[in-house]
Amino acid sequence: MTRPYRGESDQDYMERALAFARRAAVEGEVPVGAVLVGENGDVLAGSGNAPIARHDPSAHAEMLVLRAAGATLSNYRLPNTTLYVTLEPCSMCAGALVHARIARLVYAAADPRSGACGSVFNLPQSTELNHRIEVTAGLLAEQSSQLLTGFFAERR
């Protein structure tokens, strides 16, 4: 099991992801944030959602983080990394996480409508695929849920 080594806890990294989610909300995006951490505890990349600003339906926080980390490391494979994300990844993002070979996924709030990491589908642990990801769900779920609920209530 991959664990952070720099003295930061899962909660610390999730709080960083929540900061990216809050920034996304301020920018008018659905408030989802993600942070990718290497096996030595270094933050490789962090981002909030940006599909509206980028005019790109694939610009979810997870996808932006994978792209940035891949560019930084000059590799599309990201083994021994942990992704912290404030909302359960959708099928697009979960598939990309499997292809990137991340080791561990920690997410805050479940997504009962389109979550693909245990809620609707479970791609990261599917025996049909050639890589499985350790998944931890529910870390700081209340904070993430409140952020999402408040965002959508304000838009109505």
Protein backbone atom coordinates (compact mmCIF):
# COMPACT_ATOMS: atom_id res chain seq x y z
CA MET A 1 0.00 0.00 0.00
CA THR A 2 1.39 3.40 -0.97
CA ARG A 3 1.51 5.98 1.82
CA PRO A 4 2.81 9.55 1.93
CA TYR A 5 6.34 9.87 3.33
CA ARG A 6 6.79 13.60 3.94
CA GLY A 7 4.81 13.72 7.15
CA GLU A 8 1.62 14.76 5.42
CA SER A 9 -1.46 12.64 5.93
CA ASP A 10 -4.19 11.64 3.53
CA GLN A 11 -6.27 14.38 5.14
CA ASP A 12 -3.59 17.00 4.40
CA TYR A 13 -3.52 16.05 0.73
CA MET A 14 -7.33 15.99 0.53
CA GLU A 15 -7.43 19.46 2.04
CA ARG A 16 -5.14 20.58 -0.80
CA ALA A 17 -7.59 19.03 -3.28
CA LEU A 18 -10.45 20.87 -1.55
CA ALA A 19 -8.55 24.15 -2.02
CA PHE A 20 -8.43 23.47 -5.78
CA ALA A 21 -12.17 22.67 -5.69
CA ARG A 22 -12.93 25.98 -3.97
CA ARG A 23 -10.88 27.84 -6.57
CA ALA A 24 -12.79 26.05 -9.35
CA ALA A 25 -16.10 27.17 -7.78
CA VAL A 26 -14.94 30.79 -7.71
CA GLU A 27 -14.16 30.45 -11.42
CA GLY A 28 -17.68 29.15 -12.13
CA GLU A 29 -16.69 25.51 -12.53
CA VAL A 30 -18.21 22.56 -10.70
CA PRO A 31 -16.12 22.48 -7.50
CA VAL A 32 -13.99 19.39 -7.88
CA GLY A 33 -10.29 19.39 -7.08
CA ALA A 34 -7.53 16.82 -7.39
CA VAL A 35 -3.93 16.38 -6.27
CA LEU A 36 -1.52 13.67 -7.44
CA VAL A 37 1.20 12.65 -4.99
CA GLY A 38 4.34 10.67 -5.78
CA GLU A 39 5.63 7.79 -3.70
CA ASN A 40 8.01 10.14 -1.84
CA GLY A 41 5.15 12.46 -0.83
CA ASP A 42 5.84 15.18 -3.40
CA VAL A 43 2.80 16.78 -4.98
CA LEU A 44 3.28 16.14 -8.69
CA ALA A 45 0.25 18.14 -9.85
CA GLY A 46 -2.96 19.72 -8.62
CA SER A 47 -5.97 21.24 -10.36
CA GLY A 48 -9.62 22.04 -10.18
CA ASN A 49 -12.26 21.34 -12.81
CA ALA A 50 -12.01 23.50 -15.94
CA PRO A 51 -14.28 22.19 -18.73
CA ILE A 52 -16.17 25.48 -19.02
CA ALA A 53 -13.09 27.71 -19.16
CA ARG A 54 -11.24 25.37 -21.53
CA HIS A 55 -14.27 24.51 -23.67
CA ASP A 56 -13.24 20.91 -23.16
CA PRO A 57 -15.55 18.21 -21.77
CA SER A 58 -12.51 16.18 -20.71
CA ALA A 59 -11.01 18.97 -18.56
CA HIS A 60 -12.02 17.34 -15.29
CA ALA A 61 -9.65 17.93 -12.38
CA GLU A 62 -8.39 14.34 -12.52
CA MET A 63 -7.61 14.53 -16.24
CA LEU A 64 -5.79 17.84 -15.88
CA VAL A 65 -3.69 16.43 -13.04
CA LEU A 66 -2.79 13.31 -15.01
CA ARG A 67 -1.78 15.42 -18.03
CA ALA A 68 0.35 17.78 -15.93
CA ALA A 69 2.08 14.97 -14.02
CA GLY A 70 2.70 13.03 -17.22
CA ALA A 71 4.32 16.08 -18.80
CA THR A 72 6.43 16.72 -15.69
CA LEU A 73 7.63 13.12 -15.50
CA SER A 74 7.80 12.62 -19.31
CA ASN A 75 5.74 9.47 -18.92
CA TYR A 76 2.09 8.59 -19.40
CA ARG A 77 2.42 5.91 -16.74
CA LEU A 78 2.26 7.16 -13.16
CA PRO A 79 3.00 4.09 -11.01
CA ASN A 80 3.34 4.35 -7.24
CA THR A 81 1.26 7.53 -7.13
CA THR A 82 -1.84 8.42 -5.14
CA LEU A 83 -4.64 10.61 -6.47
CA TYR A 84 -6.71 12.63 -4.00
CA VAL A 85 -9.96 13.94 -5.48
CA THR A 86 -12.95 15.61 -3.88
CA LEU A 87 -15.61 13.72 -5.87
CA GLU A 88 -15.72 10.09 -6.96
CA PRO A 89 -14.30 9.96 -10.51
CA CYS A 90 -16.59 9.40 -13.49
CA SER A 91 -16.01 6.58 -15.99
CA MET A 92 -13.80 8.76 -18.24
CA CYS A 93 -11.53 9.70 -15.34
CA ALA A 94 -11.54 6.24 -13.74
CA GLY A 95 -10.52 4.71 -17.06
CA ALA A 96 -7.67 7.20 -17.40
CA LEU A 97 -6.52 6.40 -13.84
CA VAL A 98 -6.35 2.71 -14.72
CA HIS A 99 -4.43 3.44 -17.95
CA ALA A 100 -2.01 5.68 -16.04
CA ARG A 101 -1.42 2.84 -13.57
CA ILE A 102 -1.84 4.93 -10.45
CA ALA A 103 -1.53 2.81 -7.31
CA ARG A 104 -4.08 4.42 -5.05
CA LEU A 105 -7.17 6.61 -5.25
CA VAL A 106 -8.59 8.52 -2.28
CA TYR A 107 -11.84 10.36 -2.90
CA ALA A 108 -14.11 12.42 -0.68
CA ALA A 109 -17.76 12.41 -1.77
CA ALA A 110 -19.43 9.54 -3.58
CA ASP A 111 -21.25 10.30 -6.84
CA PRO A 112 -24.38 8.12 -6.90
CA ARG A 113 -25.30 9.30 -10.41
CA SER A 114 -22.09 8.81 -12.34
CA GLY A 115 -19.40 7.57 -9.97
CA ALA A 116 -17.25 4.87 -11.53
CA CYS A 117 -15.21 3.90 -8.47
CA GLY A 118 -17.83 2.00 -6.52
CA SER A 119 -21.14 3.86 -6.82
CA VAL A 120 -22.43 3.09 -10.34
CA PHE A 121 -19.42 1.23 -11.75
CA ASN A 122 -16.17 0.06 -10.18
CA LEU A 123 -13.57 0.42 -12.92
CA PRO A 124 -10.49 0.76 -10.67
CA GLN A 125 -11.06 -2.67 -9.18
CA SER A 126 -12.53 -4.45 -12.18
CA THR A 127 -11.03 -7.88 -12.79
CA GLU A 128 -11.83 -7.33 -16.48
CA LEU A 129 -9.06 -4.74 -16.72
CA ASN A 130 -5.30 -5.27 -16.54
CA HIS A 131 -4.63 -2.96 -13.58
CA ARG A 132 -6.38 -2.47 -10.27
CA ILE A 133 -6.24 0.54 -7.98
CA GLU A 134 -6.55 0.57 -4.21
CA VAL A 135 -9.55 2.81 -3.43
CA THR A 136 -10.34 4.68 -0.21
CA ALA A 137 -13.67 6.50 -0.16
CA GLY A 138 -15.22 9.09 2.13
CA LEU A 139 -12.25 11.13 3.37
CA LEU A 140 -13.57 14.66 4.10
CA ALA A 141 -16.77 13.69 2.30
CA GLU A 142 -18.89 16.13 4.31
CA GLN A 143 -16.76 19.14 3.35
CA SER A 144 -16.79 18.15 -0.32
CA SER A 145 -20.53 17.45 -0.33
CA GLN A 146 -21.27 20.81 1.30
CA LEU A 147 -19.15 22.59 -1.30
CA LEU A 148 -20.96 20.85 -4.16
CA THR A 149 -24.42 21.33 -2.62
CA GLY A 150 -23.79 25.01 -1.98
CA PHE A 151 -22.49 25.53 -5.51
CA PHE A 152 -25.54 23.95 -7.15
CA ALA A 153 -27.99 25.67 -4.77
CA GLU A 154 -26.47 29.02 -5.71
CA ARG A 155 -26.87 28.26 -9.43
CA ARG A 156 -30.58 27.43 -9.13
